Every structure is written in C-alpha cells, then in structure tokens.
Amino acid sequence: MLRASTWGSTIEYRETKTDVQGKFEVSAIPPEHRYDVIAMAEEYGQKQAEVHAAGAVDNRLDAGQLELAIANLSVSGVVVDVNDKPVTGARVNCFGGDGQPQRDTQADVEGKFTLGKVCAGRIRISASVGGETTRYGSVETEGGATDVRIVVSESSSSTRYIPKQPPSLLGKALPDLKQLKIDLPSEDSKNKIILVCFWDMQQRPSRHCVTEVAKQAEQLKQKGVTIVAVQASKIDAIALKDWVEKYNITFPVGAVEGDVEKTNFAWGVRSLPWLILTNRSHTVTAEGFAVGALTNKIKEITDAKL
C-alpha cells in the first residue's frame, strides 16, 4: 500500500499486489510529496518504508527491499479490571509496530483472549471496553507469550510484560513421543536419529517445512533418521488426515491433545514450524533450526559418531 504522508497530495492511498517474485509497482503518483510504502501479507507481519518523490531517478522511486517476518506465533492472556476481576468482551488489539501485523480479537466471558498470527519480537497490545465510561489498558510483551495480563481502567494503564520462555531441550533426553500419541516400533527408534517437526497445517511456512522434509524422507531413512511430525494446534482430524494423504506424507503424524500451549511449552517450542533433532542415543542436539539446515545438522551427528 502506498500512502501519502504529507498534506496536499491528490491521493490518500493506493494498493497493489506483488508478483511471483515479490516485486510491485504503483504508477502515476504525484511528484513533490513524501510517501509511506507499507507491505503486508497473510501469515506475515508488515514493513514500512518512506520514499520522497524528490529522489526519483528517471521518474521512478525505489522503495528497496521490504522483508516481512513470519507470523507463526500467538499471544494469549486475560483482561482484568483494577480489582483483578476478569473483564468480559473487551476488544484486544495489536498494531503494526516493530514489523508486527495488525490483529484484533475479543475477550471471552472470563476475560481470556488469544491474538493469532503474530511475529516473534516486541509487540504492544491494548484492550478497551465500553460502557458508561471507556476503560483502557495496554501492555508490551513478546510474540509467543501465553500468560499476558492487561489491566483496564478509566485512567489508562501501561506495563511492560516479560514472558516466560520455554525451556531448551538441548543436551537433554527427547521426551516420550507417546505423549503426542506417537508409538514408534523399536526398529524405527533403537539406535536411530530422531527428527521431530512441530507444525501447524493451517500455516503456509509449516506446510512448506513438512513437504520439504517429506521430499527427503527416503534419503533420510537410509541415513538412519526416523521422522515424526506433530500438529501443534487445534484442527479437524479429518482435514489433517486428508492433507497428509494428499501430499503423501509417509512418516507418522501425531497431534497435540488437551492443553496445546502447555504441551508446546514443555517441548521447548517457541514458534512454528519447530524442528528438534536427536543423536542415536535420543539426546537433543539441535532445535529451532530451518529445514534448509537439516542436512548439515545430520552430518554433524554422523561425523561425530565416526
């Protein structure tokens, strides 16, 4: 989106879409003005750049590269009043600061809320509730926080919240996969490297990760690697089964049941997708790495064994 950021322009804003290479163009903009270029996409944050028509070369302005962070986290918590009582129906918002997307939701009858599809990093959340008087509050936290508390009052409150981070599994024994309804036969687990992929079928980056791993499944099996995937958010079981069959995912796919946030926290999951890799003794040697680094991570394990 191109938005005029100075008075006197004949446009307020214009919108366009990027092509398959991520390139875009907004044509026929008035000269002698300053503009904000704002990029946003589904399942990503947003990024803003400022350009000035005075800097045009051959009547063209270059906004440069706008890099969007993946929005694969959520923030959840509760809205309370000054007496620490839950506030029903409060509007909860986050805005596009620090590359975060704009999100909006409503607290339930217990004051609880979840803002989905936000990015890692700093995020500011506000809550407001109407009535005879409007009450408002805000908090600064991090993407992925699970127990945020927003206090609303007639005189607005603002606090900084430091979330509790999930523990790292590095150097620790891999937790029992049976917790995730995955029961590996002994021939698939004994003296095998284990790769666990926590993902969410509803997120494009997660789907890409699983399909990329699936392409390497046979090759990884020859190297003694056993793969399992874990659907780490609530989803319709039939839809998940249909997707697995459609894309010929040959390795076991489990799902988190019960308290999703508690389970993900216990497994050290900070964002999705989240890869966990063990050695042949099932001690975690790597976590949270990109799928493109998988080959090198496995090579480190096999070389160490030699």
Protein backbone atom coordinates (compact mmCIF):
# COMPACT_ATOMS: atom_id res chain seq x y z
CA MET A 1 0.00 0.00 0.00
CA LEU A 2 1.25 3.49 -0.88
CA ARG A 3 0.04 6.19 1.49
CA ALA A 4 0.61 9.94 1.24
CA SER A 5 2.33 11.10 4.42
CA THR A 6 2.26 14.84 3.70
CA TRP A 7 -0.58 17.29 3.25
CA GLY A 8 -1.54 18.44 -0.21
CA SER A 9 -1.29 15.17 -2.14
CA THR A 10 -4.08 14.33 -4.54
CA ILE A 11 -4.09 10.73 -3.26
CA GLU A 12 -4.68 9.26 0.17
CA TYR A 13 -3.54 5.71 -0.55
CA ARG A 14 -3.26 3.15 -3.32
CA GLU A 15 -2.98 -0.59 -3.14
CA THR A 16 -1.34 -3.16 -5.36
CA LYS A 17 -0.15 -6.78 -5.15
CA THR A 18 3.30 -8.25 -5.59
CA ASP A 19 4.05 -10.65 -8.44
CA VAL A 20 5.54 -14.15 -8.09
CA GLN A 21 8.96 -12.59 -7.50
CA GLY A 22 7.67 -10.31 -4.78
CA LYS A 23 8.01 -7.22 -6.97
CA PHE A 24 5.48 -4.41 -7.08
CA GLU A 25 4.83 -1.09 -8.77
CA VAL A 26 2.50 1.79 -8.03
CA SER A 27 2.21 4.11 -11.01
CA ALA A 28 1.11 7.70 -11.64
CA ILE A 29 1.84 9.21 -8.24
CA PRO A 30 2.08 12.99 -7.88
CA PRO A 31 5.58 14.50 -7.58
CA GLU A 32 6.95 16.64 -4.73
CA HIS A 33 5.50 14.56 -1.93
CA ARG A 34 6.68 12.08 0.67
CA TYR A 35 5.06 8.63 0.76
CA ASP A 36 4.90 5.63 3.07
CA VAL A 37 5.13 2.23 1.38
CA ILE A 38 3.57 -0.46 3.58
CA ALA A 39 3.89 -4.16 2.74
CA MET A 40 1.78 -6.85 4.41
CA ALA A 41 0.72 -10.40 3.63
CA GLU A 42 -1.34 -13.19 5.14
CA GLU A 43 0.65 -15.12 7.78
CA TYR A 44 3.35 -12.42 7.84
CA GLY A 45 3.97 -9.18 9.68
CA GLN A 46 4.25 -5.85 7.93
CA LYS A 47 7.04 -3.48 6.95
CA GLN A 48 7.07 0.22 6.17
CA ALA A 49 9.49 2.35 4.14
CA GLU A 50 9.48 6.07 3.42
CA VAL A 51 10.20 7.45 -0.05
CA HIS A 52 10.22 11.01 -1.37
CA ALA A 53 9.36 11.97 -4.92
CA ALA A 54 12.37 14.29 -4.95
CA GLY A 55 14.59 11.21 -5.01
CA ALA A 56 13.14 9.88 -8.26
CA VAL A 57 15.56 8.72 -10.98
CA ASP A 58 14.07 8.68 -14.48
CA ASN A 59 10.68 9.29 -12.87
CA ARG A 60 10.95 6.15 -10.73
CA LEU A 61 11.28 5.69 -6.97
CA ASP A 62 12.87 2.60 -5.43
CA ALA A 63 11.43 1.59 -2.06
CA GLY A 64 14.14 -1.05 -1.64
CA GLN A 65 13.61 -4.50 -0.15
CA LEU A 66 10.83 -4.87 2.41
CA GLU A 67 11.40 -8.01 4.48
CA LEU A 68 8.34 -9.44 6.26
CA ALA A 69 8.70 -11.59 9.36
CA ILE A 70 6.73 -14.84 9.51
CA ALA A 71 3.63 -14.52 11.71
CA ASN A 72 3.53 -18.01 13.20
CA LEU A 73 3.07 -17.22 16.90
CA SER A 74 0.20 -16.20 19.12
CA VAL A 75 -0.19 -14.12 22.27
CA SER A 76 -2.73 -15.09 24.89
CA GLY A 77 -3.75 -13.87 28.31
CA VAL A 78 -6.55 -12.22 30.25
CA VAL A 79 -8.06 -8.75 30.60
CA VAL A 80 -8.84 -7.68 34.19
CA ASP A 81 -10.01 -4.53 35.96
CA VAL A 82 -8.23 -2.67 38.77
CA ASN A 83 -9.78 -5.11 41.27
CA ASP A 84 -8.22 -8.04 39.37
CA LYS A 85 -11.62 -9.26 38.15
CA PRO A 86 -11.92 -10.61 34.57
CA VAL A 87 -13.43 -8.19 32.05
CA THR A 88 -15.89 -9.78 29.63
CA GLY A 89 -15.97 -8.78 25.97
CA ALA A 90 -13.04 -6.35 25.91
CA ARG A 91 -11.62 -5.54 22.46
CA VAL A 92 -7.97 -6.58 22.24
CA ASN A 93 -5.70 -5.24 19.51
CA CYS A 94 -2.10 -5.26 18.41
CA PHE A 95 -0.74 -2.83 15.87
CA GLY A 96 2.00 -2.81 13.29
CA GLY A 97 4.94 -1.58 15.36
CA ASP A 98 8.28 -3.40 15.03
CA GLY A 99 7.06 -5.28 11.97
CA GLN A 100 4.07 -6.82 13.73
CA PRO A 101 0.78 -7.25 11.84
CA GLN A 102 -2.47 -5.62 12.89
CA ARG A 103 -4.66 -8.07 14.76
CA ASP A 104 -7.97 -7.77 16.60
CA THR A 105 -9.99 -10.09 18.81
CA GLN A 106 -12.46 -10.05 21.70
CA ALA A 107 -12.02 -11.39 25.22
CA ASP A 108 -14.42 -14.17 26.26
CA VAL A 109 -16.69 -14.24 29.31
CA GLU A 110 -13.68 -14.99 31.53
CA GLY A 111 -11.66 -12.14 30.06
CA LYS A 112 -9.38 -14.54 28.20
CA PHE A 113 -8.08 -13.75 24.71
CA THR A 114 -5.75 -15.06 22.02
CA LEU A 115 -4.25 -12.99 19.23
CA GLY A 116 -3.10 -15.37 16.50
CA LYS A 117 -0.63 -14.99 13.64
CA VAL A 118 1.79 -12.53 15.22
CA CYS A 119 5.57 -12.39 14.79
CA ALA A 120 8.47 -13.04 17.13
CA GLY A 121 9.80 -9.97 18.89
CA ARG A 122 8.34 -6.99 20.72
CA ILE A 123 4.61 -6.43 20.45
CA ARG A 124 2.29 -3.89 22.04
CA ILE A 125 -1.24 -5.00 22.89
CA SER A 126 -4.12 -2.80 24.01
CA ALA A 127 -7.51 -3.62 25.47
CA SER A 128 -10.59 -1.43 25.74
CA VAL A 129 -14.11 -1.89 26.99
CA GLY A 130 -17.06 0.49 26.61
CA GLY A 131 -19.96 1.25 28.91
CA GLU A 132 -20.82 4.36 30.90
CA THR A 133 -17.10 5.12 30.79
CA THR A 134 -14.45 3.67 28.50
CA ARG A 135 -11.71 1.71 30.21
CA TYR A 136 -8.38 1.13 28.53
CA GLY A 137 -5.07 -0.57 29.18
CA SER A 138 -2.01 -1.73 27.26
CA VAL A 139 0.99 -3.96 27.71
CA GLU A 140 4.29 -4.50 25.92
CA THR A 141 5.30 -8.14 25.57
CA GLU A 142 6.84 -10.61 23.10
CA GLY A 143 5.29 -12.75 20.37
CA GLY A 144 4.60 -16.22 21.81
CA ALA A 145 3.73 -15.06 25.33
CA THR A 146 1.00 -17.18 26.90
CA ASP A 147 0.01 -15.52 30.20
CA VAL A 148 -0.25 -11.80 29.44
CA ARG A 149 -2.30 -9.74 31.87
CA ILE A 150 -3.85 -6.44 30.73
CA VAL A 151 -5.36 -4.16 33.38
CA VAL A 152 -8.01 -1.74 32.10
CA SER A 153 -9.03 1.39 33.98
CA GLU A 154 -10.61 4.80 33.36
CA SER A 155 -7.11 6.27 33.56
CA SER A 156 -5.24 4.02 31.13
CA SER A 157 -2.53 1.69 32.39
CA SER A 158 0.56 0.61 30.52
CA THR A 159 3.08 -2.02 31.61
CA ARG A 160 5.94 -4.00 30.17
CA TYR A 161 5.46 -7.75 30.37
CA ILE A 162 8.40 -10.13 30.11
CA PRO A 163 7.10 -13.56 29.04
CA LYS A 164 8.36 -16.82 30.40
CA GLN A 165 10.36 -18.58 27.70
CA PRO A 166 10.02 -22.32 27.06
CA PRO A 167 12.96 -24.37 28.36
CA SER A 168 15.55 -25.58 25.84
CA LEU A 169 15.82 -29.33 25.22
CA LEU A 170 19.43 -29.13 24.00
CA GLY A 171 21.57 -31.76 25.68
CA LYS A 172 18.51 -33.38 27.25
CA ALA A 173 16.79 -36.67 26.50
CA LEU A 174 13.95 -36.40 24.00
CA PRO A 175 10.61 -36.50 25.86
CA ASP A 176 8.45 -39.59 25.34
CA LEU A 177 6.72 -39.39 21.96
CA LYS A 178 3.81 -41.36 23.38
CA GLN A 179 2.71 -38.07 24.99
CA LEU A 180 1.92 -37.00 21.43
CA LYS A 181 0.12 -40.24 20.51
CA ILE A 182 3.13 -41.45 18.52
CA ASP A 183 4.25 -45.01 19.29
CA LEU A 184 7.33 -45.87 17.24
CA PRO A 185 8.21 -49.54 16.71
CA SER A 186 11.61 -50.48 18.16
CA GLU A 187 13.10 -50.90 14.67
CA ASP A 188 12.25 -47.23 13.97
CA SER A 189 13.64 -45.89 17.24
CA LYS A 190 16.50 -48.06 18.54
CA ASN A 191 19.86 -46.56 17.57
CA LYS A 192 18.09 -44.13 15.22
CA ILE A 193 18.41 -40.37 14.84
CA ILE A 194 15.02 -38.82 15.59
CA LEU A 195 13.67 -35.75 13.78
CA VAL A 196 10.54 -34.21 15.29
CA CYS A 197 8.72 -31.47 13.39
CA PHE A 198 6.15 -29.44 15.31
CA TRP A 199 3.97 -27.68 12.76
CA ASP A 200 0.53 -26.27 12.03
CA MET A 201 -1.25 -27.41 8.88
CA GLN A 202 -3.09 -24.07 8.83
CA GLN A 203 0.16 -22.11 8.31
CA ARG A 204 1.94 -21.86 4.96
CA PRO A 205 5.51 -21.92 6.44
CA SER A 206 4.63 -25.07 8.38
CA ARG A 207 3.18 -26.82 5.34
CA HIS A 208 6.31 -25.93 3.37
CA CYS A 209 8.54 -27.37 6.11
CA VAL A 210 6.69 -30.69 6.25
CA THR A 211 6.58 -31.13 2.48
CA GLU A 212 10.30 -30.31 2.22
CA VAL A 213 11.08 -32.94 4.86
CA ALA A 214 8.80 -35.39 3.03
CA LYS A 215 10.85 -34.93 -0.16
CA GLN A 216 13.94 -36.10 1.76
CA ALA A 217 12.20 -38.85 3.71
CA GLU A 218 13.64 -41.83 1.83
CA GLN A 219 17.14 -40.38 1.77
CA LEU A 220 16.97 -39.62 5.49
CA LYS A 221 15.74 -43.13 6.22
CA GLN A 222 18.85 -44.53 4.51
CA LYS A 223 20.94 -42.41 6.89
CA GLY A 224 19.19 -43.88 9.91
CA VAL A 225 16.86 -40.96 10.56
CA THR A 226 13.31 -41.52 11.80
CA ILE A 227 10.89 -38.64 11.15
CA VAL A 228 7.74 -37.75 13.04
CA ALA A 229 5.53 -34.68 12.68
CA VAL A 230 3.30 -33.17 15.35
CA GLN A 231 0.28 -31.00 14.56
CA ALA A 232 0.73 -28.36 17.27
CA SER A 233 -2.61 -26.57 17.23
CA LYS A 234 -6.28 -27.49 17.31
CA ILE A 235 -7.52 -28.75 13.96
CA ASP A 236 -10.16 -31.01 12.46
CA ALA A 237 -8.76 -34.56 12.48
CA ILE A 238 -10.33 -35.47 9.15
CA ALA A 239 -8.88 -32.38 7.45
CA LEU A 240 -5.44 -33.26 8.80
CA LYS A 241 -5.75 -36.87 7.62
CA ASP A 242 -6.86 -35.75 4.15
CA TRP A 243 -3.90 -33.34 3.83
CA VAL A 244 -1.41 -36.00 4.91
CA GLU A 245 -2.76 -38.42 2.32
CA LYS A 246 -2.93 -35.78 -0.42
CA TYR A 247 0.74 -34.87 -0.06
CA ASN A 248 1.88 -38.45 0.52
CA ILE A 249 3.42 -37.86 3.94
CA THR A 250 4.85 -41.28 4.72
CA PHE A 251 6.12 -40.67 8.26
CA PRO A 252 3.92 -40.67 11.40
CA VAL A 253 1.90 -37.51 12.05
CA GLY A 254 0.67 -37.05 15.60
CA ALA A 255 -1.26 -34.21 17.18
CA VAL A 256 -1.17 -32.33 20.46
CA GLU A 257 -4.23 -33.12 22.54
CA GLY A 258 -5.54 -31.30 25.59
CA ASP A 259 -3.66 -28.13 26.56
CA VAL A 260 -1.80 -27.16 23.37
CA GLU A 261 0.15 -24.28 24.90
CA LYS A 262 1.29 -26.36 27.88
CA THR A 263 2.48 -29.19 25.62
CA ASN A 264 4.32 -26.89 23.23
CA PHE A 265 5.98 -25.17 26.19
CA ALA A 266 7.14 -28.49 27.65
CA TRP A 267 8.74 -29.41 24.31
CA GLY A 268 10.51 -26.06 24.08
CA VAL A 269 8.52 -24.92 21.03
CA ARG A 270 8.91 -21.16 20.53
CA SER A 271 7.48 -20.82 17.03
CA LEU A 272 6.09 -22.98 14.24
CA PRO A 273 7.44 -24.85 12.44
CA TRP A 274 9.91 -26.07 15.08
CA LEU A 275 12.41 -28.84 14.31
CA ILE A 276 14.02 -30.97 17.00
CA LEU A 277 16.88 -33.37 16.17
CA THR A 278 18.50 -36.02 18.36
CA ASN A 279 21.55 -38.25 18.07
CA ARG A 280 21.25 -42.04 18.06
CA SER A 281 21.03 -42.05 21.86
CA HIS A 282 18.00 -39.76 21.58
CA THR A 283 19.71 -36.76 23.18
CA VAL A 284 18.62 -33.50 21.58
CA THR A 285 21.47 -31.97 19.57
CA ALA A 286 19.63 -29.21 17.67
CA GLU A 287 16.32 -27.37 17.87
CA GLY A 288 14.55 -24.46 16.21
CA PHE A 289 16.64 -24.58 13.04
CA ALA A 290 15.49 -24.01 9.45
CA VAL A 291 14.66 -27.01 7.27
CA GLY A 292 17.42 -25.93 4.88
CA ALA A 293 19.98 -26.62 7.63
CA LEU A 294 18.79 -30.19 8.20
CA THR A 295 21.43 -31.88 6.02
CA ASN A 296 24.30 -30.17 7.84
CA LYS A 297 22.79 -30.89 11.26
CA ILE A 298 22.58 -34.60 10.46
CA LYS A 299 26.10 -34.59 9.04
CA GLU A 300 27.38 -33.17 12.34
CA ILE A 301 25.83 -36.12 14.16
CA THR A 302 27.09 -38.80 11.78
CA ASP A 303 30.60 -37.28 11.62
CA ALA A 304 30.75 -37.14 15.41
CA LYS A 305 29.91 -40.82 15.58
CA LEU A 306 32.79 -41.63 13.25
